[in-house]
Amino acid sequence: MVRDTPFARHLKEALEHLLRERSVSTLEWCRMTSVSFWEEDRLYAYLQDLYDYFYGDRKEPPVAPDPEAPPPEKYWT
């Protein structure tokens, strides 16, 4: 992901755009990736952690939410 390839450059630019614009909702993200985030803040925190792992100093990759986990209790209230 950090090599100088067209894919790597595109991925970095895409992550930077998403983090800057916050233009994808959790529903859109789920439709594109089949990974559900119940809150946009958590989605963008995950994307920031992913960016930091690829291009920053984060040592371990972030863990995506468990697709089998039920939504948080506050989601239903």
Protein backbone atom coordinates (compact mmCIF):
# COMPACT_ATOMS: atom_id res chain seq x y z
CA MET A 1 0.00 0.00 0.00
CA VAL A 2 2.90 2.36 0.52
CA ARG A 3 4.77 1.52 -2.68
CA ASP A 4 4.79 4.01 -5.51
CA THR A 5 2.21 2.33 -7.72
CA PRO A 6 -0.94 3.76 -9.27
CA PHE A 7 -3.08 1.62 -6.92
CA ALA A 8 -1.18 2.78 -3.83
CA ARG A 9 -1.44 6.43 -4.86
CA HIS A 10 -5.15 6.06 -5.60
CA LEU A 11 -5.82 4.37 -2.25
CA LYS A 12 -3.98 7.09 -0.34
CA GLU A 13 -5.82 9.84 -2.21
CA ALA A 14 -9.17 8.09 -1.65
CA LEU A 15 -8.56 7.72 2.09
CA GLU A 16 -7.44 11.35 2.35
CA HIS A 17 -10.59 12.47 0.50
CA LEU A 18 -12.89 10.37 2.70
CA LEU A 19 -11.25 11.66 5.87
CA ARG A 20 -11.35 15.27 4.71
CA GLU A 21 -14.87 15.32 3.24
CA ARG A 22 -16.60 12.61 5.32
CA SER A 23 -18.72 12.06 2.24
CA VAL A 24 -19.75 8.44 2.81
CA SER A 25 -22.50 7.46 5.21
CA THR A 26 -22.40 4.28 7.24
CA LEU A 27 -25.14 2.84 5.02
CA GLU A 28 -23.20 3.61 1.84
CA TRP A 29 -20.06 2.12 3.38
CA CYS A 30 -21.95 -1.05 4.26
CA ARG A 31 -23.35 -1.33 0.73
CA MET A 32 -19.85 -0.97 -0.77
CA THR A 33 -17.94 -3.17 1.64
CA SER A 34 -20.47 -5.31 3.55
CA VAL A 35 -18.94 -3.96 6.78
CA SER A 36 -21.39 -2.24 9.12
CA PHE A 37 -20.54 0.68 11.32
CA TRP A 38 -23.42 1.91 13.44
CA GLU A 39 -22.00 5.40 13.90
CA GLU A 40 -20.24 7.65 11.42
CA ASP A 41 -17.69 8.74 14.02
CA ARG A 42 -16.63 5.11 14.42
CA LEU A 43 -16.40 4.63 10.66
CA TYR A 44 -14.14 7.65 10.27
CA ALA A 45 -12.06 6.71 13.32
CA TYR A 46 -11.51 3.31 11.69
CA LEU A 47 -10.53 4.95 8.39
CA GLN A 48 -8.12 7.26 10.23
CA ASP A 49 -6.58 4.26 11.98
CA LEU A 50 -6.29 2.49 8.62
CA TYR A 51 -4.61 5.53 7.10
CA ASP A 52 -2.22 5.76 10.06
CA TYR A 53 -1.38 2.08 9.69
CA PHE A 54 -0.59 2.38 5.97
CA TYR A 55 1.03 5.80 5.96
CA GLY A 56 1.72 6.79 9.56
CA ASP A 57 3.22 5.21 12.63
CA ARG A 58 0.43 2.84 13.70
CA LYS A 59 2.00 -0.57 14.33
CA GLU A 60 -1.07 -2.82 14.13
CA PRO A 61 -3.90 -2.75 11.61
CA PRO A 62 -7.27 -1.62 12.94
CA VAL A 63 -9.91 -4.24 13.52
CA ALA A 64 -13.13 -3.85 11.58
CA PRO A 65 -16.41 -4.41 13.41
CA ASP A 66 -17.64 -7.95 13.80
CA PRO A 67 -20.29 -8.45 11.10
CA GLU A 68 -22.21 -10.81 13.41
CA ALA A 69 -22.36 -8.38 16.32
CA PRO A 70 -25.75 -6.87 17.04
CA PRO A 71 -26.14 -3.09 16.88
CA PRO A 72 -25.41 -1.16 20.06
CA GLU A 73 -28.33 -0.74 22.45
CA LYS A 74 -28.55 3.00 21.84
CA TYR A 75 -29.12 2.32 18.14
CA TRP A 76 -32.65 1.13 18.95
CA THR A 77 -33.60 4.07 21.18
